[in-house]
């Protein structure tokens, strides 16, 4: 596992990378959870040859926690996922998540369909 951080729109976002396969899968956390909710799944997928990236959405886990609620919106979370793909130089990825993260994945598919496999 590799830990990373990058900046997007003035905030630091944390992520984990499991595995090193050619196909990338991005999983996001549920509300009030962090990357740990997807860690066992990431390890299993990595063992099957996938590169799995667990993003802590803004306000969760190792990512910055802004005090104002306006930063916590689905469309902004979706842009964070696309920014993560840019940061990692990933053209297309499978994107999913748990609870809030599943909704974010749908927003990514609408905002940037060319980036989602």
PDB file of N, CA and C in Angstrom:
ATOM      1  N   UNK A   1       0.837  -1.182   0.000  1.00  0.00           N
ATOM      2  CA  UNK A   1       0.000   0.000   0.000  1.00  0.00           C
ATOM      3  C   UNK A   1       0.880   1.242   0.000  1.00  0.00           C
ATOM      4  N   UNK A   2       0.465   2.228  -0.789  1.00  0.00           N
ATOM      5  CA  UNK A   2       1.149   3.514  -0.830  1.00  0.00           C
ATOM      6  C   UNK A   2       0.150   4.600  -0.429  1.00  0.00           C
ATOM      7  N   UNK A   3       0.567   5.505   0.432  1.00  0.00           N
ATOM      8  CA  UNK A   3      -0.269   6.635   0.837  1.00  0.00           C
ATOM      9  C   UNK A   3       0.124   7.857   0.033  1.00  0.00           C
ATOM     10  N   UNK A   4      -0.843   8.674  -0.327  1.00  0.00           N
ATOM     11  CA  UNK A   4      -0.557   9.885  -1.079  1.00  0.00           C
ATOM     12  C   UNK A   4      -1.489  11.007  -0.687  1.00  0.00           C
ATOM     13  N   UNK A   5      -1.096  12.207  -1.085  1.00  0.00           N
ATOM     14  CA  UNK A   5      -1.910  13.410  -0.880  1.00  0.00           C
ATOM     15  C   UNK A   5      -1.711  14.303  -2.093  1.00  0.00           C
ATOM     16  N   UNK A   6      -2.749  15.035  -2.444  1.00  0.00           N
ATOM     17  CA  UNK A   6      -2.640  16.029  -3.501  1.00  0.00           C
ATOM     18  C   UNK A   6      -3.568  17.183  -3.148  1.00  0.00           C
ATOM     19  N   UNK A   7      -3.387  18.298  -3.836  1.00  0.00           N
ATOM     20  CA  UNK A   7      -4.201  19.477  -3.554  1.00  0.00           C
ATOM     21  C   UNK A   7      -5.180  19.720  -4.697  1.00  0.00           C
ATOM     22  N   UNK A   8      -6.395  20.055  -4.296  1.00  0.00           N
ATOM     23  CA  UNK A   8      -7.446  20.370  -5.268  1.00  0.00           C
ATOM     24  C   UNK A   8      -8.287  21.501  -4.690  1.00  0.00           C
ATOM     25  N   UNK A   9      -8.368  22.582  -5.437  1.00  0.00           N
ATOM     26  CA  UNK A   9      -9.158  23.755  -5.048  1.00  0.00           C
ATOM     27  C   UNK A   9      -8.840  24.219  -3.628  1.00  0.00           C
ATOM     28  N   UNK A  10      -7.556  24.208  -3.290  1.00  0.00           N
ATOM     29  CA  UNK A  10      -7.102  24.739  -2.015  1.00  0.00           C
ATOM     30  C   UNK A  10      -7.156  23.781  -0.840  1.00  0.00           C
ATOM     31  N   UNK A  11      -7.540  22.546  -1.068  1.00  0.00           N
ATOM     32  CA  UNK A  11      -7.621  21.556   0.010  1.00  0.00           C
ATOM     33  C   UNK A  11      -6.756  20.348  -0.314  1.00  0.00           C
ATOM     34  N   UNK A  12      -6.192  19.741   0.732  1.00  0.00           N
ATOM     35  CA  UNK A  12      -5.413  18.514   0.576  1.00  0.00           C
ATOM     36  C   UNK A  12      -6.348  17.313   0.697  1.00  0.00           C
ATOM     37  N   UNK A  13      -6.195  16.385  -0.229  1.00  0.00           N
ATOM     38  CA  UNK A  13      -6.989  15.160  -0.239  1.00  0.00           C
ATOM     39  C   UNK A  13      -6.056  13.967  -0.110  1.00  0.00           C
ATOM     40  N   UNK A  14      -6.422  13.028   0.755  1.00  0.00           N
ATOM     41  CA  UNK A  14      -5.606  11.843   0.976  1.00  0.00           C
ATOM     42  C   UNK A  14      -6.154  10.638   0.236  1.00  0.00           C
ATOM     43  N   UNK A  15      -5.236   9.762  -0.151  1.00  0.00           N
ATOM     44  CA  UNK A  15      -5.647   8.543  -0.835  1.00  0.00           C
ATOM     45  C   UNK A  15      -4.657   7.429  -0.547  1.00  0.00           C
ATOM     46  N   UNK A  16      -5.077   6.202  -0.842  1.00  0.00           N
ATOM     47  CA  UNK A  16      -4.241   5.007  -0.723  1.00  0.00           C
ATOM     48  C   UNK A  16      -4.239   4.299  -2.069  1.00  0.00           C
ATOM     49  N   UNK A  17      -3.109   3.699  -2.423  1.00  0.00           N
ATOM     50  CA  UNK A  17      -3.034   2.883  -3.635  1.00  0.00           C
ATOM     51  C   UNK A  17      -2.662   1.468  -3.229  1.00  0.00           C
ATOM     52  N   UNK A  18      -3.463   0.526  -3.689  1.00  0.00           N
ATOM     53  CA  UNK A  18      -3.232  -0.896  -3.444  1.00  0.00           C
ATOM     54  C   UNK A  18      -3.036  -1.570  -4.792  1.00  0.00           C
ATOM     55  N   UNK A  19      -1.991  -2.362  -4.920  1.00  0.00           N
ATOM     56  CA  UNK A  19      -1.753  -3.096  -6.162  1.00  0.00           C
ATOM     57  C   UNK A  19      -1.154  -2.223  -7.239  1.00  0.00           C
ATOM     58  N   UNK A  20      -0.884  -2.853  -8.369  1.00  0.00           N
ATOM     59  CA  UNK A  20      -0.233  -2.116  -9.437  1.00  0.00           C
ATOM     60  C   UNK A  20      -0.655  -2.565 -10.819  1.00  0.00           C
ATOM     61  N   UNK A  21      -1.840  -3.106 -10.942  1.00  0.00           N
ATOM     62  CA  UNK A  21      -2.308  -3.576 -12.240  1.00  0.00           C
ATOM     63  C   UNK A  21      -2.565  -2.447 -13.214  1.00  0.00           C
ATOM     64  N   UNK A  22      -2.816  -2.817 -14.469  1.00  0.00           N
ATOM     65  CA  UNK A  22      -3.068  -1.814 -15.505  1.00  0.00           C
ATOM     66  C   UNK A  22      -4.435  -1.162 -15.356  1.00  0.00           C
ATOM     67  N   UNK A  23      -5.436  -1.921 -14.929  1.00  0.00           N
ATOM     68  CA  UNK A  23      -6.792  -1.381 -14.747  1.00  0.00           C
ATOM     69  C   UNK A  23      -6.906  -0.738 -13.362  1.00  0.00           C
ATOM     70  N   UNK A  24      -7.353   0.522 -13.330  1.00  0.00           N
ATOM     71  CA  UNK A  24      -7.499   1.244 -12.072  1.00  0.00           C
ATOM     72  C   UNK A  24      -8.958   1.267 -11.640  1.00  0.00           C
ATOM     73  N   UNK A  25      -9.152   1.016 -10.361  1.00  0.00           N
ATOM     74  CA  UNK A  25     -10.464   1.113  -9.726  1.00  0.00           C
ATOM     75  C   UNK A  25     -10.348   2.164  -8.624  1.00  0.00           C
ATOM     76  N   UNK A  26     -11.245   3.144  -8.626  1.00  0.00           N
ATOM     77  CA  UNK A  26     -11.278   4.164  -7.577  1.00  0.00           C
ATOM     78  C   UNK A  26     -12.515   3.915  -6.727  1.00  0.00           C
ATOM     79  N   UNK A  27     -12.315   3.791  -5.424  1.00  0.00           N
ATOM     80  CA  UNK A  27     -13.416   3.604  -4.483  1.00  0.00           C
ATOM     81  C   UNK A  27     -13.422   4.756  -3.493  1.00  0.00           C
ATOM     82  N   UNK A  28     -14.617   5.265  -3.213  1.00  0.00           N
ATOM     83  CA  UNK A  28     -14.744   6.370  -2.269  1.00  0.00           C
ATOM     84  C   UNK A  28     -15.563   5.941  -1.062  1.00  0.00           C
ATOM     85  N   UNK A  29     -15.364   6.661   0.015  1.00  0.00           N
ATOM     86  CA  UNK A  29     -15.964   6.334   1.306  1.00  0.00           C
ATOM     87  C   UNK A  29     -17.412   6.771   1.413  1.00  0.00           C
ATOM     88  N   UNK A  30     -18.078   6.232   2.417  1.00  0.00           N
ATOM     89  CA  UNK A  30     -19.418   6.659   2.775  1.00  0.00           C
ATOM     90  C   UNK A  30     -19.359   7.837   3.730  1.00  0.00           C
ATOM     91  N   UNK A  31     -20.510   8.429   3.987  1.00  0.00           N
ATOM     92  CA  UNK A  31     -20.613   9.573   4.881  1.00  0.00           C
ATOM     93  C   UNK A  31     -20.089   9.221   6.272  1.00  0.00           C
ATOM     94  N   UNK A  32     -19.225  10.064   6.801  1.00  0.00           N
ATOM     95  CA  UNK A  32     -18.609   9.925   8.122  1.00  0.00           C
ATOM     96  C   UNK A  32     -17.678   8.713   8.233  1.00  0.00           C
ATOM     97  N   UNK A  33     -17.291   8.147   7.112  1.00  0.00           N
ATOM     98  CA  UNK A  33     -16.350   7.024   7.081  1.00  0.00           C
ATOM     99  C   UNK A  33     -15.076   7.473   6.389  1.00  0.00           C
ATOM    100  N   UNK A  34     -14.106   6.583   6.292  1.00  0.00           N
ATOM    101  CA  UNK A  34     -12.872   6.898   5.584  1.00  0.00           C
ATOM    102  C   UNK A  34     -12.501   5.716   4.693  1.00  0.00           C
ATOM    103  N   UNK A  35     -11.302   5.751   4.134  1.00  0.00           N
ATOM    104  CA  UNK A  35     -10.846   4.713   3.212  1.00  0.00           C
ATOM    105  C   UNK A  35     -10.904   3.319   3.825  1.00  0.00           C
ATOM    106  N   UNK A  36     -10.850   3.232   5.127  1.00  0.00           N
ATOM    107  CA  UNK A  36     -10.878   1.939   5.806  1.00  0.00           C
ATOM    108  C   UNK A  36     -12.098   1.109   5.460  1.00  0.00           C
ATOM    109  N   UNK A  37     -13.197   1.753   5.105  1.00  0.00           N
ATOM    110  CA  UNK A  37     -14.415   1.018   4.775  1.00  0.00           C
ATOM    111  C   UNK A  37     -14.226   0.159   3.517  1.00  0.00           C
ATOM    112  N   UNK A  38     -13.309   0.553   2.649  1.00  0.00           N
ATOM    113  CA  UNK A  38     -13.067  -0.182   1.399  1.00  0.00           C
ATOM    114  C   UNK A  38     -11.731  -0.926   1.380  1.00  0.00           C
ATOM    115  N   UNK A  39     -10.990  -0.893   2.462  1.00  0.00           N
ATOM    116  CA  UNK A  39      -9.620  -1.423   2.462  1.00  0.00           C
ATOM    117  C   UNK A  39      -9.541  -2.927   2.178  1.00  0.00           C
ATOM    118  N   UNK A  40     -10.398  -3.720   2.790  1.00  0.00           N
ATOM    119  CA  UNK A  40     -10.346  -5.166   2.552  1.00  0.00           C
ATOM    120  C   UNK A  40     -10.705  -5.489   1.100  1.00  0.00           C
ATOM    121  N   UNK A  41     -11.698  -4.805   0.558  1.00  0.00           N
ATOM    122  CA  UNK A  41     -12.053  -4.990  -0.846  1.00  0.00           C
ATOM    123  C   UNK A  41     -10.881  -4.596  -1.741  1.00  0.00           C
ATOM    124  N   UNK A  42     -10.217  -3.500  -1.410  1.00  0.00           N
ATOM    125  CA  UNK A  42      -9.063  -3.057  -2.198  1.00  0.00           C
ATOM    126  C   UNK A  42      -7.955  -4.103  -2.187  1.00  0.00           C
ATOM    127  N   UNK A  43      -7.694  -4.673  -1.039  1.00  0.00           N
ATOM    128  CA  UNK A  43      -6.655  -5.711  -0.946  1.00  0.00           C
ATOM    129  C   UNK A  43      -7.015  -6.925  -1.787  1.00  0.00           C
ATOM    130  N   UNK A  44      -8.283  -7.315  -1.751  1.00  0.00           N
ATOM    131  CA  UNK A  44      -8.721  -8.469  -2.539  1.00  0.00           C
ATOM    132  C   UNK A  44      -8.616  -8.192  -4.037  1.00  0.00           C
ATOM    133  N   UNK A  45      -9.070  -7.031  -4.463  1.00  0.00           N
ATOM    134  CA  UNK A  45      -8.978  -6.680  -5.879  1.00  0.00           C
ATOM    135  C   UNK A  45      -7.523  -6.558  -6.330  1.00  0.00           C
ATOM    136  N   UNK A  46      -6.683  -5.989  -5.483  1.00  0.00           N
ATOM    137  CA  UNK A  46      -5.254  -5.868  -5.817  1.00  0.00           C
ATOM    138  C   UNK A  46      -4.628  -7.244  -5.973  1.00  0.00           C
ATOM    139  N   UNK A  47      -5.034  -8.193  -5.147  1.00  0.00           N
ATOM    140  CA  UNK A  47      -4.512  -9.564  -5.240  1.00  0.00           C
ATOM    141  C   UNK A  47      -4.925 -10.232  -6.551  1.00  0.00           C
ATOM    142  N   UNK A  48      -5.965  -9.691  -7.195  1.00  0.00           N
ATOM    143  CA  UNK A  48      -6.426 -10.222  -8.477  1.00  0.00           C
ATOM    144  C   UNK A  48      -5.924  -9.387  -9.650  1.00  0.00           C
ATOM    145  N   UNK A  49      -4.942  -8.535  -9.408  1.00  0.00           N
ATOM    146  CA  UNK A  49      -4.279  -7.835 -10.500  1.00  0.00           C
ATOM    147  C   UNK A  49      -4.752  -6.437 -10.814  1.00  0.00           C
ATOM    148  N   UNK A  50      -5.570  -5.849  -9.949  1.00  0.00           N
ATOM    149  CA  UNK A  50      -6.044  -4.489 -10.184  1.00  0.00           C
ATOM    150  C   UNK A  50      -5.247  -3.488  -9.355  1.00  0.00           C
ATOM    151  N   UNK A  51      -5.200  -2.275  -9.833  1.00  0.00           N
ATOM    152  CA  UNK A  51      -4.686  -1.144  -9.052  1.00  0.00           C
ATOM    153  C   UNK A  51      -5.912  -0.470  -8.456  1.00  0.00           C
ATOM    154  N   UNK A  52      -5.990  -0.411  -7.145  1.00  0.00           N
ATOM    155  CA  UNK A  52      -7.166   0.136  -6.460  1.00  0.00           C
ATOM    156  C   UNK A  52      -6.749   1.370  -5.671  1.00  0.00           C
ATOM    157  N   UNK A  53      -7.461   2.455  -5.905  1.00  0.00           N
ATOM    158  CA  UNK A  53      -7.179   3.715  -5.223  1.00  0.00           C
ATOM    159  C   UNK A  53      -8.371   4.048  -4.342  1.00  0.00           C
ATOM    160  N   UNK A  54      -8.093   4.268  -3.074  1.00  0.00           N
ATOM    161  CA  UNK A  54      -9.118   4.643  -2.107  1.00  0.00           C
ATOM    162  C   UNK A  54      -8.969   6.123  -1.791  1.00  0.00           C
ATOM    163  N   UNK A  55      -9.950   6.911  -2.181  1.00  0.00           N
ATOM    164  CA  UNK A  55      -9.914   8.355  -1.943  1.00  0.00           C
ATOM    165  C   UNK A  55     -10.722   8.690  -0.703  1.00  0.00           C
ATOM    166  N   UNK A  56     -10.125   9.444   0.205  1.00  0.00           N
ATOM    167  CA  UNK A  56     -10.870  10.033   1.325  1.00  0.00           C
ATOM    168  C   UNK A  56     -11.450  11.341   0.806  1.00  0.00           C
ATOM    169  N   UNK A  57     -12.760  11.374   0.624  1.00  0.00           N
ATOM    170  CA  UNK A  57     -13.404  12.592   0.158  1.00  0.00           C
ATOM    171  C   UNK A  57     -13.162  13.728   1.155  1.00  0.00           C
ATOM    172  N   UNK A  58     -13.234  14.942   0.672  1.00  0.00           N
ATOM    173  CA  UNK A  58     -13.034  16.116   1.519  1.00  0.00           C
ATOM    174  C   UNK A  58     -13.900  16.007   2.768  1.00  0.00           C
ATOM    175  N   UNK A  59     -13.284  16.262   3.916  1.00  0.00           N
ATOM    176  CA  UNK A  59     -13.997  16.191   5.186  1.00  0.00           C
ATOM    177  C   UNK A  59     -13.939  14.829   5.851  1.00  0.00           C
ATOM    178  N   UNK A  60     -13.263  13.880   5.227  1.00  0.00           N
ATOM    179  CA  UNK A  60     -13.216  12.508   5.737  1.00  0.00           C
ATOM    180  C   UNK A  60     -11.775  12.017   5.817  1.00  0.00           C
ATOM    181  N   UNK A  61     -11.525  11.124   6.765  1.00  0.00           N
ATOM    182  CA  UNK A  61     -10.227  10.441   6.853  1.00  0.00           C
ATOM    183  C   UNK A  61      -9.044  11.379   6.874  1.00  0.00           C
ATOM    184  N   UNK A  62      -8.098  11.146   5.968  1.00  0.00           N
ATOM    185  CA  UNK A  62      -6.858  11.921   5.937  1.00  0.00           C
ATOM    186  C   UNK A  62      -6.969  13.208   5.124  1.00  0.00           C
ATOM    187  N   UNK A  63      -8.134  13.473   4.550  1.00  0.00           N
ATOM    188  CA  UNK A  63      -8.321  14.702   3.771  1.00  0.00           C
ATOM    189  C   UNK A  63      -8.661  15.870   4.692  1.00  0.00           C
ATOM    190  N   UNK A  64      -8.418  17.079   4.169  1.00  0.00           N
ATOM    191  CA  UNK A  64      -8.740  18.279   4.942  1.00  0.00           C
ATOM    192  C   UNK A  64     -10.215  18.290   5.317  1.00  0.00           C
ATOM    193  N   UNK A  65     -10.502  19.006   6.400  1.00  0.00           N
ATOM    194  CA  UNK A  65     -11.863  19.089   6.925  1.00  0.00           C
ATOM    195  C   UNK A  65     -12.297  20.552   7.014  1.00  0.00           C
ATOM    196  N   UNK A  66     -12.812  21.087   5.913  1.00  0.00           N
ATOM    197  CA  UNK A  66     -13.235  22.488   5.939  1.00  0.00           C
ATOM    198  C   UNK A  66     -14.436  22.688   6.860  1.00  0.00           C
ATOM    199  N   UNK A  67     -14.492  23.814   7.529  1.00  0.00           N
ATOM    200  CA  UNK A  67     -15.570  24.037   8.499  1.00  0.00           C
ATOM    201  C   UNK A  67     -16.915  24.397   7.877  1.00  0.00           C
ATOM    202  N   UNK A  68     -16.910  24.885   6.647  1.00  0.00           N
ATOM    203  CA  UNK A  68     -18.153  25.368   6.061  1.00  0.00           C
ATOM    204  C   UNK A  68     -18.827  24.282   5.220  1.00  0.00           C
ATOM    205  N   UNK A  69     -20.105  24.098   5.411  1.00  0.00           N
ATOM    206  CA  UNK A  69     -20.863  23.025   4.760  1.00  0.00           C
ATOM    207  C   UNK A  69     -20.936  23.152   3.245  1.00  0.00           C
ATOM    208  N   UNK A  70     -20.693  24.335   2.692  1.00  0.00           N
ATOM    209  CA  UNK A  70     -20.792  24.500   1.237  1.00  0.00           C
ATOM    210  C   UNK A  70     -19.773  23.663   0.480  1.00  0.00           C
ATOM    211  N   UNK A  71     -18.720  23.234   1.138  1.00  0.00           N
ATOM    212  CA  UNK A  71     -17.695  22.422   0.479  1.00  0.00           C
ATOM    213  C   UNK A  71     -18.117  20.959   0.346  1.00  0.00           C
ATOM    214  N   UNK A  72     -19.178  20.572   1.023  1.00  0.00           N
ATOM    215  CA  UNK A  72     -19.603  19.171   1.053  1.00  0.00           C
ATOM    216  C   UNK A  72     -20.816  18.980   0.150  1.00  0.00           C
ATOM    217  N   UNK A  73     -20.518  18.840  -1.172  1.00  0.00           N
ATOM    218  CA  UNK A  73     -21.571  18.659  -2.165  1.00  0.00           C
ATOM    219  C   UNK A  73     -21.152  17.552  -3.122  1.00  0.00           C
ATOM    220  N   UNK A  74     -22.136  16.831  -3.635  1.00  0.00           N
ATOM    221  CA  UNK A  74     -21.863  15.710  -4.548  1.00  0.00           C
ATOM    222  C   UNK A  74     -21.055  16.146  -5.762  1.00  0.00           C
ATOM    223  N   UNK A  75     -21.436  17.265  -6.377  1.00  0.00           N
ATOM    224  CA  UNK A  75     -20.725  17.701  -7.575  1.00  0.00           C
ATOM    225  C   UNK A  75     -19.268  18.033  -7.267  1.00  0.00           C
ATOM    226  N   UNK A  76     -19.002  18.594  -6.113  1.00  0.00           N
ATOM    227  CA  UNK A  76     -17.617  18.901  -5.724  1.00  0.00           C
ATOM    228  C   UNK A  76     -16.847  17.622  -5.403  1.00  0.00           C
ATOM    229  N   UNK A  77     -17.502  16.679  -4.747  1.00  0.00           N
ATOM    230  CA  UNK A  77     -16.845  15.394  -4.492  1.00  0.00           C
ATOM    231  C   UNK A  77     -16.495  14.713  -5.816  1.00  0.00           C
ATOM    232  N   UNK A  78     -17.400  14.773  -6.790  1.00  0.00           N
ATOM    233  CA  UNK A  78     -17.137  14.156  -8.094  1.00  0.00           C
ATOM    234  C   UNK A  78     -15.927  14.809  -8.768  1.00  0.00           C
ATOM    235  N   UNK A  79     -15.815  16.118  -8.665  1.00  0.00           N
ATOM    236  CA  UNK A  79     -14.647  16.806  -9.242  1.00  0.00           C
ATOM    237  C   UNK A  79     -13.358  16.381  -8.533  1.00  0.00           C
ATOM    238  N   UNK A  80     -13.460  16.053  -7.242  1.00  0.00           N
ATOM    239  CA  UNK A  80     -12.281  15.559  -6.524  1.00  0.00           C
ATOM    240  C   UNK A  80     -11.819  14.215  -7.093  1.00  0.00           C
ATOM    241  N   UNK A  81     -12.765  13.364  -7.459  1.00  0.00           N
ATOM    242  CA  UNK A  81     -12.408  12.069  -8.055  1.00  0.00           C
ATOM    243  C   UNK A  81     -11.713  12.293  -9.398  1.00  0.00           C
ATOM    244  N   UNK A  82     -12.248  13.178 -10.218  1.00  0.00           N
ATOM    245  CA  UNK A  82     -11.623  13.474 -11.511  1.00  0.00           C
ATOM    246  C   UNK A  82     -10.234  14.083 -11.297  1.00  0.00           C
ATOM    247  N   UNK A  83     -10.100  14.956 -10.307  1.00  0.00           N
ATOM    248  CA  UNK A  83      -8.784  15.540  -9.995  1.00  0.00           C
ATOM    249  C   UNK A  83      -7.802  14.457  -9.559  1.00  0.00           C
ATOM    250  N   UNK A  84      -8.283  13.459  -8.823  1.00  0.00           N
ATOM    251  CA  UNK A  84      -7.430  12.329  -8.434  1.00  0.00           C
ATOM    252  C   UNK A  84      -6.959  11.576  -9.672  1.00  0.00           C
ATOM    253  N   UNK A  85      -7.862  11.319 -10.616  1.00  0.00           N
ATOM    254  CA  UNK A  85      -7.470  10.646 -11.862  1.00  0.00           C
ATOM    255  C   UNK A  85      -6.395  11.455 -12.583  1.00  0.00           C
ATOM    256  N   UNK A  86      -6.563  12.768 -12.629  1.00  0.00           N
ATOM    257  CA  UNK A  86      -5.548  13.637 -13.244  1.00  0.00           C
ATOM    258  C   UNK A  86      -4.219  13.524 -12.507  1.00  0.00           C
ATOM    259  N   UNK A  87      -4.277  13.581 -11.192  1.00  0.00           N
ATOM    260  CA  UNK A  87      -3.063  13.505 -10.367  1.00  0.00           C
ATOM    261  C   UNK A  87      -2.291  12.214 -10.630  1.00  0.00           C
ATOM    262  N   UNK A  88      -3.018  11.119 -10.811  1.00  0.00           N
ATOM    263  CA  UNK A  88      -2.387   9.807 -11.013  1.00  0.00           C
ATOM    264  C   UNK A  88      -2.179   9.472 -12.486  1.00  0.00           C
ATOM    265  N   UNK A  89      -2.517  10.413 -13.372  1.00  0.00           N
ATOM    266  CA  UNK A  89      -2.365  10.220 -14.822  1.00  0.00           C
ATOM    267  C   UNK A  89      -3.146   9.002 -15.307  1.00  0.00           C
ATOM    268  N   UNK A  90      -4.381   8.876 -14.815  1.00  0.00           N
ATOM    269  CA  UNK A  90      -5.262   7.779 -15.203  1.00  0.00           C
ATOM    270  C   UNK A  90      -6.298   8.334 -16.177  1.00  0.00           C
ATOM    271  N   UNK A  91      -6.309   7.793 -17.381  1.00  0.00           N
ATOM    272  CA  UNK A  91      -7.239   8.255 -18.402  1.00  0.00           C
ATOM    273  C   UNK A  91      -8.673   7.816 -18.117  1.00  0.00           C
ATOM    274  N   UNK A  92      -8.836   6.531 -17.772  1.00  0.00           N
ATOM    275  CA  UNK A  92     -10.160   5.965 -17.485  1.00  0.00           C
ATOM    276  C   UNK A  92     -10.045   4.999 -16.317  1.00  0.00           C
ATOM    277  N   UNK A  93     -11.101   4.942 -15.509  1.00  0.00           N
ATOM    278  CA  UNK A  93     -11.093   4.039 -14.352  1.00  0.00           C
ATOM    279  C   UNK A  93     -12.508   3.561 -14.059  1.00  0.00           C
ATOM    280  N   UNK A  94     -12.580   2.459 -13.374  1.00  0.00           N
ATOM    281  CA  UNK A  94     -13.832   2.032 -12.762  1.00  0.00           C
ATOM    282  C   UNK A  94     -13.972   2.870 -11.501  1.00  0.00           C
ATOM    283  N   UNK A  95     -15.130   3.465 -11.290  1.00  0.00           N
ATOM    284  CA  UNK A  95     -15.345   4.320 -10.122  1.00  0.00           C
ATOM    285  C   UNK A  95     -16.560   3.796  -9.356  1.00  0.00           C
ATOM    286  N   UNK A  96     -16.388   3.623  -8.044  1.00  0.00           N
ATOM    287  CA  UNK A  96     -17.477   3.143  -7.210  1.00  0.00           C
ATOM    288  C   UNK A  96     -17.307   3.627  -5.794  1.00  0.00           C
ATOM    289  N   UNK A  97     -18.182   3.171  -4.936  1.00  0.00           N
ATOM    290  CA  UNK A  97     -18.080   3.569  -3.542  1.00  0.00           C
ATOM    291  C   UNK A  97     -19.217   3.012  -2.721  1.00  0.00           C
ATOM    292  N   UNK A  98     -19.176   3.326  -1.454  1.00  0.00           N
ATOM    293  CA  UNK A  98     -20.168   2.876  -0.491  1.00  0.00           C
ATOM    294  C   UNK A  98     -21.041   4.066  -0.104  1.00  0.00           C
ATOM    295  N   UNK A  99     -22.355   3.899  -0.152  1.00  0.00           N
ATOM    296  CA  UNK A  99     -23.291   4.910   0.318  1.00  0.00           C
ATOM    297  C   UNK A  99     -23.032   6.251  -0.374  1.00  0.00           C
ATOM    298  N   UNK A 100     -22.577   7.257   0.336  1.00  0.00           N
ATOM    299  CA  UNK A 100     -22.227   8.545  -0.259  1.00  0.00           C
ATOM    300  C   UNK A 100     -21.305   8.340  -1.455  1.00  0.00           C
ATOM    301  N   UNK A 101     -20.343   7.444  -1.317  1.00  0.00           N
ATOM    302  CA  UNK A 101     -19.389   7.186  -2.396  1.00  0.00           C
ATOM    303  C   UNK A 101     -20.042   6.653  -3.657  1.00  0.00           C
ATOM    304  N   UNK A 102     -21.120   5.877  -3.521  1.00  0.00           N
ATOM    305  CA  UNK A 102     -21.855   5.382  -4.688  1.00  0.00           C
ATOM    306  C   UNK A 102     -22.522   6.536  -5.421  1.00  0.00           C
ATOM    307  N   UNK A 103     -23.093   7.469  -4.665  1.00  0.00           N
ATOM    308  CA  UNK A 103     -23.690   8.655  -5.283  1.00  0.00           C
ATOM    309  C   UNK A 103     -22.633   9.503  -5.984  1.00  0.00           C
ATOM    310  N   UNK A 104     -21.472   9.622  -5.365  1.00  0.00           N
ATOM    311  CA  UNK A 104     -20.376  10.369  -5.976  1.00  0.00           C
ATOM    312  C   UNK A 104     -19.975   9.706  -7.292  1.00  0.00           C
ATOM    313  N   UNK A 105     -19.897   8.386  -7.314  1.00  0.00           N
ATOM    314  CA  UNK A 105     -19.531   7.666  -8.545  1.00  0.00           C
ATOM    315  C   UNK A 105     -20.518   7.988  -9.671  1.00  0.00           C
ATOM    316  N   UNK A 106     -21.796   8.056  -9.355  1.00  0.00           N
ATOM    317  CA  UNK A 106     -22.794   8.408 -10.374  1.00  0.00           C
ATOM    318  C   UNK A 106     -22.567   9.828 -10.895  1.00  0.00           C
ATOM    319  N   UNK A 107     -22.226  10.742 -10.009  1.00  0.00           N
ATOM    320  CA  UNK A 107     -21.942  12.120 -10.427  1.00  0.00           C
ATOM    321  C   UNK A 107     -20.692  12.181 -11.304  1.00  0.00           C
ATOM    322  N   UNK A 108     -19.688  11.382 -10.993  1.00  0.00           N
ATOM    323  CA  UNK A 108     -18.490  11.331 -11.843  1.00  0.00           C
ATOM    324  C   UNK A 108     -18.881  10.869 -13.243  1.00  0.00           C
ATOM    325  N   UNK A 109     -19.721   9.846 -13.322  1.00  0.00           N
ATOM    326  CA  UNK A 109     -20.141   9.311 -14.620  1.00  0.00           C
ATOM    327  C   UNK A 109     -20.901  10.355 -15.440  1.00  0.00           C
ATOM    328  N   UNK A 110     -21.651  11.221 -14.768  1.00  0.00           N
ATOM    329  CA  UNK A 110     -22.391  12.272 -15.472  1.00  0.00           C
ATOM    330  C   UNK A 110     -21.461  13.423 -15.857  1.00  0.00           C
ATOM    331  N   UNK A 111     -20.592  13.836 -14.937  1.00  0.00           N
ATOM    332  CA  UNK A 111     -19.699  14.974 -15.188  1.00  0.00           C
ATOM    333  C   UNK A 111     -18.596  14.660 -16.187  1.00  0.00           C
ATOM    334  N   UNK A 112     -18.074  13.437 -16.123  1.00  0.00           N
ATOM    335  CA  UNK A 112     -16.912  13.092 -16.950  1.00  0.00           C
ATOM    336  C   UNK A 112     -17.040  11.657 -17.487  1.00  0.00           C
ATOM    337  N   UNK A 113     -18.050  11.407 -18.317  1.00  0.00           N
ATOM    338  CA  UNK A 113     -18.277  10.029 -18.788  1.00  0.00           C
ATOM    339  C   UNK A 113     -17.083   9.438 -19.536  1.00  0.00           C
ATOM    340  N   UNK A 114     -16.287  10.283 -20.148  1.00  0.00           N
ATOM    341  CA  UNK A 114     -15.109   9.795 -20.875  1.00  0.00           C
ATOM    342  C   UNK A 114     -14.013   9.274 -19.945  1.00  0.00           C
ATOM    343  N   UNK A 115     -14.131   9.532 -18.646  1.00  0.00           N
ATOM    344  CA  UNK A 115     -13.116   9.097 -17.684  1.00  0.00           C
ATOM    345  C   UNK A 115     -13.514   7.816 -16.962  1.00  0.00           C
ATOM    346  N   UNK A 116     -14.751   7.355 -17.182  1.00  0.00           N
ATOM    347  CA  UNK A 116     -15.286   6.213 -16.439  1.00  0.00           C
ATOM    348  C   UNK A 116     -15.397   4.996 -17.359  1.00  0.00           C
ATOM    349  N   UNK A 117     -14.903   3.873 -16.850  1.00  0.00           N
ATOM    350  CA  UNK A 117     -15.019   2.614 -17.583  1.00  0.00           C
ATOM    351  C   UNK A 117     -16.183   1.830 -17.011  1.00  0.00           C
TER     352      UNK A 117
END
